[in-house]
């Protein structure tokens, strides 16, 4: 069982930046970030394959967020720039246990709050 631990959330003003980190206790394959705002369903934000060569973003994240990973540290990052109040949510890290597999592992989440 791989444990995922997120960090880097916090309170930031609109237009500001945050970098989230997710450290995995073991090897993972595709990793992703999701978020859930109060009263809303969890939604996809970004994902990255094992090598880091392929990334994918939700429309809301394109041009503002960048996902990256450091496999030597078993860590995935989400750099978030030009933050908006609507980005306020709990951000979750997820990881696949095998190539092409579902997201078998989930973190506990980190709160991101963007003030206007």
N, C-alpha and C. Protein backbone atom coordinates (compact mmCIF):
# COMPACT_ATOMS: atom_id res chain seq x y z
N UNK A 1 0.84 -1.19 0.00
CA UNK A 1 0.00 0.00 0.00
C UNK A 1 0.88 1.24 0.00
N UNK A 2 0.64 2.13 -0.94
CA UNK A 2 1.41 3.36 -1.03
C UNK A 2 0.64 4.49 -0.34
N UNK A 3 1.33 5.24 0.48
CA UNK A 3 0.73 6.39 1.15
C UNK A 3 1.09 7.65 0.37
N UNK A 4 0.11 8.55 0.23
CA UNK A 4 0.33 9.83 -0.43
C UNK A 4 0.10 10.94 0.59
N UNK A 5 1.04 11.87 0.67
CA UNK A 5 0.92 12.98 1.61
C UNK A 5 1.10 14.29 0.86
N UNK A 6 0.03 15.10 0.88
CA UNK A 6 0.08 16.40 0.21
C UNK A 6 0.56 17.48 1.17
N UNK A 7 1.13 18.52 0.61
CA UNK A 7 1.53 19.69 1.38
C UNK A 7 1.56 20.90 0.46
N UNK A 8 1.64 22.08 1.07
CA UNK A 8 1.78 23.30 0.28
C UNK A 8 0.54 24.15 0.15
N UNK A 9 -0.58 23.66 0.65
CA UNK A 9 -1.79 24.46 0.58
C UNK A 9 -1.72 25.65 1.53
N UNK A 10 -2.70 26.52 1.41
CA UNK A 10 -2.73 27.68 2.28
C UNK A 10 -3.66 28.74 1.77
N UNK A 11 -3.53 29.94 2.34
CA UNK A 11 -4.35 31.09 1.97
C UNK A 11 -3.51 32.04 1.12
N UNK A 12 -4.06 32.44 -0.01
CA UNK A 12 -3.34 33.33 -0.92
C UNK A 12 -4.34 34.31 -1.54
N UNK A 13 -3.87 35.48 -1.88
CA UNK A 13 -4.74 36.45 -2.55
C UNK A 13 -4.88 36.10 -4.03
N UNK A 14 -5.97 36.54 -4.60
CA UNK A 14 -6.19 36.35 -6.03
C UNK A 14 -5.01 36.91 -6.81
N UNK A 15 -4.58 36.15 -7.81
CA UNK A 15 -3.42 36.54 -8.59
C UNK A 15 -2.12 35.96 -8.08
N UNK A 16 -2.16 35.40 -6.90
CA UNK A 16 -0.97 34.83 -6.30
C UNK A 16 -0.68 33.42 -6.78
N UNK A 17 0.33 32.81 -6.17
CA UNK A 17 0.78 31.48 -6.57
C UNK A 17 0.97 30.58 -5.36
N UNK A 18 0.83 29.30 -5.61
CA UNK A 18 1.12 28.27 -4.62
C UNK A 18 1.70 27.07 -5.35
N UNK A 19 2.54 26.32 -4.65
CA UNK A 19 3.02 25.06 -5.19
C UNK A 19 2.67 23.94 -4.24
N UNK A 20 1.88 23.01 -4.74
CA UNK A 20 1.51 21.84 -3.96
C UNK A 20 2.49 20.71 -4.23
N UNK A 21 2.72 19.92 -3.21
CA UNK A 21 3.58 18.75 -3.33
C UNK A 21 2.83 17.53 -2.85
N UNK A 22 3.14 16.40 -3.44
CA UNK A 22 2.56 15.13 -3.00
C UNK A 22 3.67 14.10 -2.99
N UNK A 23 3.99 13.62 -1.81
CA UNK A 23 5.04 12.62 -1.66
C UNK A 23 4.44 11.24 -1.50
N UNK A 24 4.93 10.31 -2.32
CA UNK A 24 4.47 8.92 -2.26
C UNK A 24 5.48 8.06 -1.51
N UNK A 25 4.96 7.11 -0.75
CA UNK A 25 5.84 6.25 0.05
C UNK A 25 6.46 5.14 -0.78
N UNK A 26 5.99 4.97 -2.02
CA UNK A 26 6.52 3.95 -2.89
C UNK A 26 6.36 4.34 -4.34
N UNK A 27 6.68 3.39 -5.20
CA UNK A 27 6.62 3.68 -6.63
C UNK A 27 5.18 3.79 -7.11
N UNK A 28 4.95 4.77 -7.96
CA UNK A 28 3.64 4.94 -8.57
C UNK A 28 3.81 5.16 -10.07
N UNK A 29 2.71 5.12 -10.77
CA UNK A 29 2.75 5.36 -12.21
C UNK A 29 2.09 6.71 -12.50
N UNK A 30 1.02 6.74 -13.27
CA UNK A 30 0.38 8.03 -13.50
C UNK A 30 -0.05 8.64 -12.17
N UNK A 31 0.24 9.93 -12.02
CA UNK A 31 -0.20 10.66 -10.82
C UNK A 31 -1.03 11.85 -11.27
N UNK A 32 -1.93 12.26 -10.39
CA UNK A 32 -2.85 13.33 -10.77
C UNK A 32 -3.23 14.17 -9.57
N UNK A 33 -3.76 15.33 -9.87
CA UNK A 33 -4.36 16.20 -8.87
C UNK A 33 -5.85 16.36 -9.19
N UNK A 34 -6.65 16.27 -8.15
CA UNK A 34 -8.07 16.54 -8.22
C UNK A 34 -8.37 17.61 -7.18
N UNK A 35 -9.55 18.20 -7.26
CA UNK A 35 -9.96 19.16 -6.24
C UNK A 35 -11.46 19.05 -5.99
N UNK A 36 -11.84 19.47 -4.81
CA UNK A 36 -13.25 19.46 -4.45
C UNK A 36 -13.56 20.73 -3.68
N UNK A 37 -14.44 21.53 -4.25
CA UNK A 37 -14.90 22.76 -3.61
C UNK A 37 -16.12 22.44 -2.76
N UNK A 38 -16.41 23.26 -1.77
CA UNK A 38 -17.58 23.02 -0.92
C UNK A 38 -18.86 22.90 -1.74
N UNK A 39 -19.60 21.83 -1.49
CA UNK A 39 -20.87 21.63 -2.16
C UNK A 39 -20.76 21.14 -3.59
N UNK A 40 -19.55 20.84 -4.03
CA UNK A 40 -19.36 20.38 -5.41
C UNK A 40 -18.70 19.01 -5.43
N UNK A 41 -18.78 18.36 -6.58
CA UNK A 41 -18.14 17.06 -6.74
C UNK A 41 -16.64 17.24 -6.98
N UNK A 42 -15.92 16.18 -6.67
CA UNK A 42 -14.49 16.20 -6.93
C UNK A 42 -14.26 16.28 -8.43
N UNK A 43 -13.30 17.11 -8.86
CA UNK A 43 -13.03 17.26 -10.28
C UNK A 43 -11.55 17.12 -10.58
N UNK A 44 -11.28 16.65 -11.77
CA UNK A 44 -9.92 16.48 -12.26
C UNK A 44 -9.26 17.82 -12.50
N UNK A 45 -7.97 17.92 -12.16
CA UNK A 45 -7.22 19.14 -12.40
C UNK A 45 -6.08 18.90 -13.41
N UNK A 46 -5.25 17.89 -13.12
CA UNK A 46 -4.10 17.64 -13.99
C UNK A 46 -3.56 16.24 -13.72
N UNK A 47 -2.86 15.66 -14.70
CA UNK A 47 -2.22 14.37 -14.50
C UNK A 47 -0.91 14.34 -15.27
N UNK A 48 -0.06 13.40 -14.87
CA UNK A 48 1.26 13.26 -15.49
C UNK A 48 1.62 11.79 -15.49
N UNK A 49 2.20 11.33 -16.59
CA UNK A 49 2.56 9.91 -16.65
C UNK A 49 3.87 9.68 -15.91
N UNK A 50 4.31 8.40 -15.87
CA UNK A 50 5.45 8.06 -15.04
C UNK A 50 6.71 8.81 -15.44
N UNK A 51 6.95 8.93 -16.74
CA UNK A 51 8.18 9.57 -17.21
C UNK A 51 8.12 11.09 -17.13
N UNK A 52 6.91 11.62 -17.03
CA UNK A 52 6.77 13.07 -17.04
C UNK A 52 6.64 13.65 -18.43
N UNK A 53 6.68 12.79 -19.43
CA UNK A 53 6.64 13.28 -20.81
C UNK A 53 5.24 13.69 -21.24
N UNK A 54 4.24 13.10 -20.62
CA UNK A 54 2.86 13.38 -21.01
C UNK A 54 2.09 13.98 -19.84
N UNK A 55 1.44 15.10 -20.11
CA UNK A 55 0.62 15.75 -19.10
C UNK A 55 -0.74 16.10 -19.72
N UNK A 56 -1.70 16.30 -18.85
CA UNK A 56 -3.04 16.63 -19.30
C UNK A 56 -3.66 17.54 -18.25
N UNK A 57 -4.44 18.52 -18.70
CA UNK A 57 -5.02 19.50 -17.77
C UNK A 57 -6.50 19.70 -18.04
N UNK A 58 -7.21 20.01 -16.97
CA UNK A 58 -8.58 20.49 -17.14
C UNK A 58 -8.52 21.87 -17.78
N UNK A 59 -9.59 22.22 -18.46
CA UNK A 59 -9.62 23.54 -19.12
C UNK A 59 -9.38 24.67 -18.11
N UNK A 60 -9.90 24.49 -16.91
CA UNK A 60 -9.77 25.53 -15.89
C UNK A 60 -8.33 25.73 -15.44
N UNK A 61 -7.48 24.73 -15.69
CA UNK A 61 -6.09 24.78 -15.24
C UNK A 61 -5.10 25.15 -16.34
N UNK A 62 -5.51 24.99 -17.57
CA UNK A 62 -4.60 25.22 -18.69
C UNK A 62 -4.08 26.66 -18.69
N UNK A 63 -2.77 26.79 -18.86
CA UNK A 63 -2.15 28.10 -18.91
C UNK A 63 -1.82 28.70 -17.56
N UNK A 64 -2.36 28.13 -16.49
CA UNK A 64 -2.10 28.67 -15.15
C UNK A 64 -1.41 27.66 -14.24
N UNK A 65 -1.72 26.39 -14.40
CA UNK A 65 -1.16 25.35 -13.53
C UNK A 65 -0.17 24.50 -14.32
N UNK A 66 0.85 24.01 -13.62
CA UNK A 66 1.82 23.11 -14.23
C UNK A 66 2.07 21.93 -13.30
N UNK A 67 1.90 20.73 -13.83
CA UNK A 67 2.17 19.52 -13.06
C UNK A 67 3.54 18.99 -13.46
N UNK A 68 4.28 18.51 -12.48
CA UNK A 68 5.60 17.95 -12.75
C UNK A 68 5.87 16.88 -11.70
N UNK A 69 6.92 16.12 -11.90
CA UNK A 69 7.26 15.07 -10.93
C UNK A 69 8.75 14.86 -10.87
N UNK A 70 9.18 14.38 -9.72
CA UNK A 70 10.56 14.00 -9.48
C UNK A 70 10.54 12.57 -8.98
N UNK A 71 10.81 11.63 -9.86
CA UNK A 71 10.70 10.22 -9.48
C UNK A 71 11.78 9.81 -8.47
N UNK A 72 12.87 10.49 -8.45
CA UNK A 72 13.90 10.18 -7.45
C UNK A 72 13.41 10.47 -6.05
N UNK A 73 12.46 11.41 -5.95
CA UNK A 73 11.89 11.77 -4.65
C UNK A 73 10.47 11.23 -4.48
N UNK A 74 9.98 10.49 -5.49
CA UNK A 74 8.60 9.99 -5.45
C UNK A 74 7.61 11.12 -5.16
N UNK A 75 7.80 12.23 -5.81
CA UNK A 75 7.01 13.42 -5.52
C UNK A 75 6.46 14.02 -6.81
N UNK A 76 5.21 14.44 -6.74
CA UNK A 76 4.58 15.17 -7.83
C UNK A 76 4.23 16.56 -7.32
N UNK A 77 4.31 17.52 -8.20
CA UNK A 77 4.07 18.91 -7.84
C UNK A 77 2.94 19.50 -8.69
N UNK A 78 2.31 20.52 -8.15
CA UNK A 78 1.36 21.30 -8.92
C UNK A 78 1.67 22.77 -8.65
N UNK A 79 2.26 23.41 -9.64
CA UNK A 79 2.52 24.84 -9.55
C UNK A 79 1.28 25.58 -10.02
N UNK A 80 0.73 26.40 -9.16
CA UNK A 80 -0.51 27.12 -9.49
C UNK A 80 -0.23 28.61 -9.48
N UNK A 81 -0.42 29.23 -10.63
CA UNK A 81 -0.21 30.66 -10.78
C UNK A 81 -1.52 31.36 -11.13
N UNK A 82 -1.52 32.67 -10.98
CA UNK A 82 -2.71 33.46 -11.32
C UNK A 82 -3.96 32.88 -10.68
N UNK A 83 -3.87 32.58 -9.42
CA UNK A 83 -4.98 31.93 -8.72
C UNK A 83 -6.20 32.81 -8.65
N UNK A 84 -7.36 32.17 -8.70
CA UNK A 84 -8.64 32.86 -8.67
C UNK A 84 -9.45 32.35 -7.48
N UNK A 85 -10.40 33.13 -6.98
CA UNK A 85 -11.23 32.65 -5.87
C UNK A 85 -11.92 31.32 -6.20
N UNK A 86 -12.26 31.10 -7.44
CA UNK A 86 -12.91 29.84 -7.80
C UNK A 86 -11.97 28.64 -7.77
N UNK A 87 -10.69 28.86 -7.55
CA UNK A 87 -9.75 27.76 -7.35
C UNK A 87 -9.78 27.25 -5.90
N UNK A 88 -10.50 27.93 -5.05
CA UNK A 88 -10.60 27.51 -3.65
C UNK A 88 -11.21 26.13 -3.57
N UNK A 89 -10.51 25.21 -2.92
CA UNK A 89 -10.94 23.82 -2.83
C UNK A 89 -9.95 23.05 -1.99
N UNK A 90 -10.33 21.82 -1.66
CA UNK A 90 -9.37 20.86 -1.12
C UNK A 90 -8.76 20.14 -2.33
N UNK A 91 -7.45 20.13 -2.38
CA UNK A 91 -6.75 19.50 -3.49
C UNK A 91 -6.21 18.14 -3.06
N UNK A 92 -6.52 17.14 -3.86
CA UNK A 92 -6.14 15.76 -3.57
C UNK A 92 -5.15 15.24 -4.61
N UNK A 93 -4.19 14.50 -4.14
CA UNK A 93 -3.26 13.80 -4.99
C UNK A 93 -3.75 12.36 -5.16
N UNK A 94 -3.58 11.83 -6.37
CA UNK A 94 -3.97 10.45 -6.65
C UNK A 94 -2.89 9.79 -7.48
N UNK A 95 -2.79 8.46 -7.35
CA UNK A 95 -1.75 7.74 -8.07
C UNK A 95 -2.25 6.38 -8.50
N UNK A 96 -1.78 5.96 -9.66
CA UNK A 96 -2.10 4.64 -10.17
C UNK A 96 -1.05 3.64 -9.70
N UNK A 97 -1.50 2.43 -9.41
CA UNK A 97 -0.59 1.40 -8.92
C UNK A 97 0.08 0.64 -10.04
N UNK A 98 -0.45 0.75 -11.24
CA UNK A 98 0.13 0.06 -12.38
C UNK A 98 -0.12 0.88 -13.63
N UNK A 99 0.64 0.64 -14.70
CA UNK A 99 0.44 1.41 -15.93
C UNK A 99 -0.97 1.25 -16.47
N UNK A 100 -1.62 2.36 -16.73
CA UNK A 100 -2.97 2.32 -17.27
C UNK A 100 -4.03 1.98 -16.25
N UNK A 101 -3.63 1.84 -15.01
CA UNK A 101 -4.58 1.47 -13.97
C UNK A 101 -5.38 2.65 -13.44
N UNK A 102 -6.40 2.35 -12.67
CA UNK A 102 -7.17 3.39 -12.01
C UNK A 102 -6.33 4.02 -10.90
N UNK A 103 -6.83 5.12 -10.37
CA UNK A 103 -6.15 5.77 -9.26
C UNK A 103 -6.46 4.98 -7.99
N UNK A 104 -5.52 4.13 -7.62
CA UNK A 104 -5.72 3.24 -6.49
C UNK A 104 -5.40 3.91 -5.16
N UNK A 105 -4.56 4.93 -5.22
CA UNK A 105 -4.10 5.59 -4.00
C UNK A 105 -4.52 7.05 -4.01
N UNK A 106 -4.95 7.52 -2.83
CA UNK A 106 -5.39 8.91 -2.68
C UNK A 106 -4.80 9.49 -1.41
N UNK A 107 -4.47 10.77 -1.48
CA UNK A 107 -4.03 11.47 -0.28
C UNK A 107 -5.21 12.02 0.49
N UNK A 108 -4.92 12.64 1.61
CA UNK A 108 -5.96 13.19 2.48
C UNK A 108 -6.40 14.58 2.06
N UNK A 109 -5.63 15.22 1.22
CA UNK A 109 -6.01 16.53 0.72
C UNK A 109 -5.34 17.68 1.45
N UNK A 110 -5.20 18.79 0.74
CA UNK A 110 -4.66 20.01 1.32
C UNK A 110 -5.54 21.18 0.88
N UNK A 111 -5.85 22.04 1.82
CA UNK A 111 -6.79 23.14 1.55
C UNK A 111 -6.08 24.29 0.85
N UNK A 112 -6.69 24.76 -0.21
CA UNK A 112 -6.24 25.97 -0.91
C UNK A 112 -7.38 26.98 -0.86
N UNK A 113 -7.10 28.14 -0.33
CA UNK A 113 -8.10 29.19 -0.24
C UNK A 113 -7.56 30.44 -0.92
N UNK A 114 -8.32 30.94 -1.88
CA UNK A 114 -7.91 32.13 -2.62
C UNK A 114 -8.89 33.25 -2.29
N UNK A 115 -8.38 34.30 -1.71
CA UNK A 115 -9.23 35.43 -1.32
C UNK A 115 -9.27 36.47 -2.44
N UNK A 116 -10.41 37.14 -2.53
CA UNK A 116 -10.58 38.15 -3.60
C UNK A 116 -10.14 39.52 -3.15
